PDB file of N, CA and C in Angstrom:
ATOM      1  N   MET A   1     -14.722   3.879  23.853  1.00  0.00           N
ATOM      2  CA  MET A   1     -14.596   2.824  24.041  1.00  0.00           C
ATOM      3  C   MET A   1     -13.133   2.864  25.120  1.00  0.00           C
ATOM      4  N   LEU A   2     -12.922   1.953  26.197  1.00  0.00           N
ATOM      5  CA  LEU A   2     -12.205   1.492  26.753  1.00  0.00           C
ATOM      6  C   LEU A   2     -11.608   0.317  27.273  1.00  0.00           C
ATOM      7  N   SER A   3     -10.277  -0.055  27.603  1.00  0.00           N
ATOM      8  CA  SER A   3     -10.049  -1.487  28.531  1.00  0.00           C
ATOM      9  C   SER A   3      -9.206  -0.622  29.816  1.00  0.00           C
ATOM     10  N   ILE A   4      -9.509  -1.545  30.538  1.00  0.00           N
ATOM     11  CA  ILE A   4      -8.793  -1.078  31.760  1.00  0.00           C
ATOM     12  C   ILE A   4      -8.063  -1.967  32.457  1.00  0.00           C
ATOM     13  N   PRO A   5      -6.884  -2.552  32.469  1.00  0.00           N
ATOM     14  CA  PRO A   5      -6.093  -3.436  33.514  1.00  0.00           C
ATOM     15  C   PRO A   5      -6.917  -3.463  34.301  1.00  0.00           C
ATOM     16  N   GLY A   6      -7.412  -5.215  34.863  1.00  0.00           N
ATOM     17  CA  GLY A   6      -8.445  -4.570  36.295  1.00  0.00           C
ATOM     18  C   GLY A   6      -9.334  -4.549  36.617  1.00  0.00           C
ATOM     19  N   TYR A   7     -10.197  -3.977  35.325  1.00  0.00           N
ATOM     20  CA  TYR A   7     -11.648  -3.463  35.966  1.00  0.00           C
ATOM     21  C   TYR A   7     -12.330  -4.406  34.906  1.00  0.00           C
ATOM     22  N   ASP A   8     -13.976  -5.214  35.436  1.00  0.00           N
ATOM     23  CA  ASP A   8     -14.606  -5.448  34.762  1.00  0.00           C
ATOM     24  C   ASP A   8     -13.662  -6.670  33.919  1.00  0.00           C
ATOM     25  N   ASP A   9     -12.727  -7.205  34.994  1.00  0.00           N
ATOM     26  CA  ASP A   9     -12.520  -8.646  34.359  1.00  0.00           C
ATOM     27  C   ASP A   9     -11.543  -7.788  32.574  1.00  0.00           C
ATOM     28  N   GLY A  10     -11.140  -6.512  32.180  1.00  0.00           N
ATOM     29  CA  GLY A  10     -10.337  -6.744  30.899  1.00  0.00           C
ATOM     30  C   GLY A  10     -11.642  -6.802  30.519  1.00  0.00           C
ATOM     31  N   TYR A  11     -13.263  -6.713  30.157  1.00  0.00           N
ATOM     32  CA  TYR A  11     -13.953  -6.188  29.314  1.00  0.00           C
ATOM     33  C   TYR A  11     -13.446  -5.005  28.408  1.00  0.00           C
ATOM     34  N   ILE A  12     -13.472  -4.763  27.465  1.00  0.00           N
ATOM     35  CA  ILE A  12     -14.090  -3.198  26.227  1.00  0.00           C
ATOM     36  C   ILE A  12     -14.935  -2.384  26.676  1.00  0.00           C
ATOM     37  N   VAL A  13     -15.110  -1.226  28.015  1.00  0.00           N
ATOM     38  CA  VAL A  13     -16.920  -0.867  27.937  1.00  0.00           C
ATOM     39  C   VAL A  13     -16.515   0.468  27.627  1.00  0.00           C
ATOM     40  N   PRO A  14     -17.457   0.922  27.416  1.00  0.00           N
ATOM     41  CA  PRO A  14     -18.019   2.235  26.750  1.00  0.00           C
ATOM     42  C   PRO A  14     -18.017   3.703  27.957  1.00  0.00           C
ATOM     43  N   VAL A  15     -17.258   4.602  27.117  1.00  0.00           N
ATOM     44  CA  VAL A  15     -17.275   5.811  28.237  1.00  0.00           C
ATOM     45  C   VAL A  15     -18.837   6.322  27.852  1.00  0.00           C
ATOM     46  N   LEU A  16     -19.353   6.348  29.341  1.00  0.00           N
ATOM     47  CA  LEU A  16     -20.613   6.453  29.244  1.00  0.00           C
ATOM     48  C   LEU A  16     -20.872   8.500  29.508  1.00  0.00           C
ATOM     49  N   ASP A  17     -20.057   9.158  30.223  1.00  0.00           N
ATOM     50  CA  ASP A  17     -19.551  10.625  30.402  1.00  0.00           C
ATOM     51  C   ASP A  17     -18.636  10.831  30.842  1.00  0.00           C
ATOM     52  N   ARG A  18     -18.096  12.178  29.752  1.00  0.00           N
ATOM     53  CA  ARG A  18     -17.189  12.904  29.803  1.00  0.00           C
ATOM     54  C   ARG A  18     -17.723  14.540  30.176  1.00  0.00           C
ATOM     55  N   GLY A  19     -17.658  14.449  31.151  1.00  0.00           N
ATOM     56  CA  GLY A  19     -18.643  15.471  31.905  1.00  0.00           C
ATOM     57  C   GLY A  19     -17.226  16.554  32.054  1.00  0.00           C
ATOM     58  N   GLY A  20     -17.733  17.819  32.217  1.00  0.00           N
ATOM     59  CA  GLY A  20     -16.517  19.055  32.377  1.00  0.00           C
ATOM     60  C   GLY A  20     -15.559  18.791  34.238  1.00  0.00           C
ATOM     61  N   ALA A  21     -16.055  18.387  34.791  1.00  0.00           N
ATOM     62  CA  ALA A  21     -15.493  18.004  36.035  1.00  0.00           C
ATOM     63  C   ALA A  21     -14.240  16.845  36.049  1.00  0.00           C
ATOM     64  N   ILE A  22     -13.957  16.211  35.173  1.00  0.00           N
ATOM     65  CA  ILE A  22     -12.706  15.451  34.675  1.00  0.00           C
ATOM     66  C   ILE A  22     -11.827  15.911  34.378  1.00  0.00           C
ATOM     67  N   LYS A  23     -10.848  16.748  34.693  1.00  0.00           N
ATOM     68  CA  LYS A  23     -10.007  17.491  33.998  1.00  0.00           C
ATOM     69  C   LYS A  23      -8.692  16.674  33.867  1.00  0.00           C
ATOM     70  N   GLY A  24      -7.662  16.639  32.222  1.00  0.00           N
ATOM     71  CA  GLY A  24      -6.305  16.266  32.476  1.00  0.00           C
ATOM     72  C   GLY A  24      -6.653  14.755  32.563  1.00  0.00           C
ATOM     73  N   ASP A  25      -5.453  14.511  32.299  1.00  0.00           N
ATOM     74  CA  ASP A  25      -5.304  12.816  31.904  1.00  0.00           C
ATOM     75  C   ASP A  25      -6.563  11.956  33.347  1.00  0.00           C
ATOM     76  N   HIS A  26      -7.191  12.342  33.540  1.00  0.00           N
ATOM     77  CA  HIS A  26      -7.511  11.141  34.554  1.00  0.00           C
ATOM     78  C   HIS A  26      -9.368  10.720  34.198  1.00  0.00           C
ATOM     79  N   LEU A  27     -10.101   9.717  34.588  1.00  0.00           N
ATOM     80  CA  LEU A  27     -11.152   9.429  34.657  1.00  0.00           C
ATOM     81  C   LEU A  27     -12.014   8.078  35.835  1.00  0.00           C
ATOM     82  N   ASP A  28     -13.049   8.720  35.609  1.00  0.00           N
ATOM     83  CA  ASP A  28     -13.681   7.869  36.878  1.00  0.00           C
ATOM     84  C   ASP A  28     -14.190   7.017  36.359  1.00  0.00           C
ATOM     85  N   VAL A  29     -13.941   5.511  36.766  1.00  0.00           N
ATOM     86  CA  VAL A  29     -14.784   3.932  36.829  1.00  0.00           C
ATOM     87  C   VAL A  29     -15.809   3.919  38.249  1.00  0.00           C
ATOM     88  N   LEU A  30     -17.121   2.883  36.972  1.00  0.00           N
ATOM     89  CA  LEU A  30     -18.434   3.149  37.949  1.00  0.00           C
ATOM     90  C   LEU A  30     -18.188   1.881  38.290  1.00  0.00           C
ATOM     91  N   PHE A  31     -18.802   1.414  39.507  1.00  0.00           N
ATOM     92  CA  PHE A  31     -18.371   0.725  40.371  1.00  0.00           C
ATOM     93  C   PHE A  31     -19.946   0.164  40.851  1.00  0.00           C
ATOM     94  N   PRO A  32     -20.696  -1.001  41.054  1.00  0.00           N
ATOM     95  CA  PRO A  32     -22.142  -0.597  41.850  1.00  0.00           C
ATOM     96  C   PRO A  32     -22.140  -0.669  43.211  1.00  0.00           C
ATOM     97  N   THR A  33     -20.703  -1.050  44.145  1.00  0.00           N
ATOM     98  CA  THR A  33     -21.549  -0.549  45.218  1.00  0.00           C
ATOM     99  C   THR A  33     -20.437   0.763  45.650  1.00  0.00           C
ATOM    100  N   HIS A  34     -20.372   2.194  46.807  1.00  0.00           N
ATOM    101  CA  HIS A  34     -19.427   2.861  46.922  1.00  0.00           C
ATOM    102  C   HIS A  34     -18.286   2.316  47.413  1.00  0.00           C
ATOM    103  N   GLU A  35     -18.405   1.043  48.556  1.00  0.00           N
ATOM    104  CA  GLU A  35     -17.320   0.154  48.988  1.00  0.00           C
ATOM    105  C   GLU A  35     -16.806  -0.732  47.883  1.00  0.00           C
ATOM    106  N   GLU A  36     -16.981  -1.298  46.642  1.00  0.00           N
ATOM    107  CA  GLU A  36     -16.047  -1.539  45.743  1.00  0.00           C
ATOM    108  C   GLU A  36     -14.730  -0.500  45.095  1.00  0.00           C
ATOM    109  N   ALA A  37     -16.499   0.439  45.134  1.00  0.00           N
ATOM    110  CA  ALA A  37     -15.116   1.892  44.693  1.00  0.00           C
ATOM    111  C   ALA A  37     -13.459   2.037  45.205  1.00  0.00           C
ATOM    112  N   LEU A  38     -14.427   2.114  46.740  1.00  0.00           N
ATOM    113  CA  LEU A  38     -13.259   2.798  47.498  1.00  0.00           C
ATOM    114  C   LEU A  38     -12.309   1.453  47.741  1.00  0.00           C
ATOM    115  N   GLN A  39     -12.444   0.216  47.407  1.00  0.00           N
ATOM    116  CA  GLN A  39     -11.496  -0.904  47.281  1.00  0.00           C
ATOM    117  C   GLN A  39     -10.741  -0.322  46.272  1.00  0.00           C
ATOM    118  N   TRP A  40     -11.002  -0.634  45.251  1.00  0.00           N
ATOM    119  CA  TRP A  40     -10.258  -0.016  43.429  1.00  0.00           C
ATOM    120  C   TRP A  40      -9.141   0.939  44.031  1.00  0.00           C
ATOM    121  N   GLY A  41     -10.377   2.039  45.305  1.00  0.00           N
ATOM    122  CA  GLY A  41      -9.435   3.482  45.199  1.00  0.00           C
ATOM    123  C   GLY A  41      -8.466   4.149  43.969  1.00  0.00           C
ATOM    124  N   VAL A  42      -7.381   4.748  44.159  1.00  0.00           N
ATOM    125  CA  VAL A  42      -6.857   5.689  43.223  1.00  0.00           C
ATOM    126  C   VAL A  42      -5.765   5.272  42.514  1.00  0.00           C
ATOM    127  N   GLN A  43      -5.817   4.328  41.109  1.00  0.00           N
ATOM    128  CA  GLN A  43      -4.764   3.674  40.562  1.00  0.00           C
ATOM    129  C   GLN A  43      -3.836   5.087  39.305  1.00  0.00           C
ATOM    130  N   TYR A  44      -3.044   4.510  39.094  1.00  0.00           N
ATOM    131  CA  TYR A  44      -2.235   5.115  37.269  1.00  0.00           C
ATOM    132  C   TYR A  44      -1.852   3.846  36.696  1.00  0.00           C
ATOM    133  N   LEU A  45      -2.963   4.226  35.457  1.00  0.00           N
ATOM    134  CA  LEU A  45      -2.970   2.493  34.640  1.00  0.00           C
ATOM    135  C   LEU A  45      -2.782   2.835  33.424  1.00  0.00           C
ATOM    136  N   ASP A  46      -2.106   2.412  32.424  1.00  0.00           N
ATOM    137  CA  ASP A  46      -2.155   2.444  30.782  1.00  0.00           C
ATOM    138  C   ASP A  46      -3.617   2.005  30.234  1.00  0.00           C
ATOM    139  N   VAL A  47      -4.314   3.115  30.443  1.00  0.00           N
ATOM    140  CA  VAL A  47      -5.479   1.920  28.977  1.00  0.00           C
ATOM    141  C   VAL A  47      -5.494   2.314  27.493  1.00  0.00           C
ATOM    142  N   THR A  48      -6.513   1.563  27.356  1.00  0.00           N
ATOM    143  CA  THR A  48      -5.981   0.841  25.607  1.00  0.00           C
ATOM    144  C   THR A  48      -7.372   1.787  25.549  1.00  0.00           C
ATOM    145  N   ILE A  49      -7.783   2.716  24.521  1.00  0.00           N
ATOM    146  CA  ILE A  49      -8.488   3.511  23.531  1.00  0.00           C
ATOM    147  C   ILE A  49      -8.881   2.811  22.493  1.00  0.00           C
ATOM    148  N   TRP A  50     -10.089   2.080  22.379  1.00  0.00           N
ATOM    149  CA  TRP A  50     -10.619   1.364  21.601  1.00  0.00           C
ATOM    150  C   TRP A  50     -11.409   2.529  20.125  1.00  0.00           C
ATOM    151  N   GLU A  51     -11.026   2.166  19.484  1.00  0.00           N
ATOM    152  CA  GLU A  51     -11.719   2.847  17.705  1.00  0.00           C
ATOM    153  C   GLU A  51     -13.036   1.909  17.771  1.00  0.00           C
ATOM    154  N   TYR A  52     -14.430   2.722  17.668  1.00  0.00           N
ATOM    155  CA  TYR A  52     -15.743   2.242  18.005  1.00  0.00           C
ATOM    156  C   TYR A  52     -15.758   1.612  16.534  1.00  0.00           C
ATOM    157  N   ALA A  53     -15.099   2.361  15.112  1.00  0.00           N
ATOM    158  CA  ALA A  53     -16.013   1.963  14.080  1.00  0.00           C
ATOM    159  C   ALA A  53     -14.644   0.819  13.477  1.00  0.00           C
ATOM    160  N   ASP A  54     -13.499   0.636  13.658  1.00  0.00           N
ATOM    161  CA  ASP A  54     -12.908  -0.220  13.342  1.00  0.00           C
ATOM    162  C   ASP A  54     -12.545  -1.739  14.051  1.00  0.00           C
ATOM    163  N   GLY A  55     -12.380  -1.318  15.786  1.00  0.00           N
ATOM    164  CA  GLY A  55     -12.529  -2.254  16.363  1.00  0.00           C
ATOM    165  C   GLY A  55     -11.225  -2.429  16.933  1.00  0.00           C
ATOM    166  N   LYS A  56     -10.338  -1.466  16.690  1.00  0.00           N
ATOM    167  CA  LYS A  56      -8.807  -1.703  16.717  1.00  0.00           C
ATOM    168  C   LYS A  56      -8.366  -0.731  17.961  1.00  0.00           C
ATOM    169  N   PRO A  57      -7.373  -0.673  18.221  1.00  0.00           N
ATOM    170  CA  PRO A  57      -6.341   0.247  19.081  1.00  0.00           C
ATOM    171  C   PRO A  57      -6.437   1.076  18.779  1.00  0.00           C
ATOM    172  N   ASN A  58      -6.705   2.622  19.408  1.00  0.00           N
ATOM    173  CA  ASN A  58      -6.117   4.097  19.104  1.00  0.00           C
ATOM    174  C   ASN A  58      -4.285   3.698  19.238  1.00  0.00           C
ATOM    175  N   ASP A  59      -3.885   4.426  18.798  1.00  0.00           N
ATOM    176  CA  ASP A  59      -2.342   4.328  19.078  1.00  0.00           C
ATOM    177  C   ASP A  59      -1.779   5.573  20.168  1.00  0.00           C
ATOM    178  N   PHE A  60      -2.899   6.075  20.891  1.00  0.00           N
ATOM    179  CA  PHE A  60      -3.113   7.512  21.774  1.00  0.00           C
ATOM    180  C   PHE A  60      -2.562   6.476  23.364  1.00  0.00           C
ATOM    181  N   LYS A  61      -1.519   6.942  23.818  1.00  0.00           N
ATOM    182  CA  LYS A  61      -1.197   6.017  24.974  1.00  0.00           C
ATOM    183  C   LYS A  61      -0.721   7.154  25.862  1.00  0.00           C
ATOM    184  N   SER A  62      -1.773   7.015  26.864  1.00  0.00           N
ATOM    185  CA  SER A  62      -2.071   7.401  28.851  1.00  0.00           C
ATOM    186  C   SER A  62      -2.272   7.470  29.603  1.00  0.00           C
ATOM    187  N   ILE A  63      -1.261   7.900  30.548  1.00  0.00           N
ATOM    188  CA  ILE A  63      -0.201   6.985  31.758  1.00  0.00           C
ATOM    189  C   ILE A  63      -1.766   6.918  33.409  1.00  0.00           C
ATOM    190  N   TYR A  64      -2.585   8.023  32.632  1.00  0.00           N
ATOM    191  CA  TYR A  64      -3.567   7.578  34.338  1.00  0.00           C
ATOM    192  C   TYR A  64      -4.860   7.234  33.304  1.00  0.00           C
TER     193      TYR A  64
END
């Protein structure tokens, strides 16, 4: 579970795919259309990783 500033109104969203094509501190986010994905573009943001069991944010920090 993640929350990403500016994505999905700040809601906590599930991680749906942890495929092997993404390497390092990167992630892909899902948009309904290709045009919306292009508008979002590439961003460097701090994300919050949420622990599913307790509903509290993880202490892990990432820049990407």
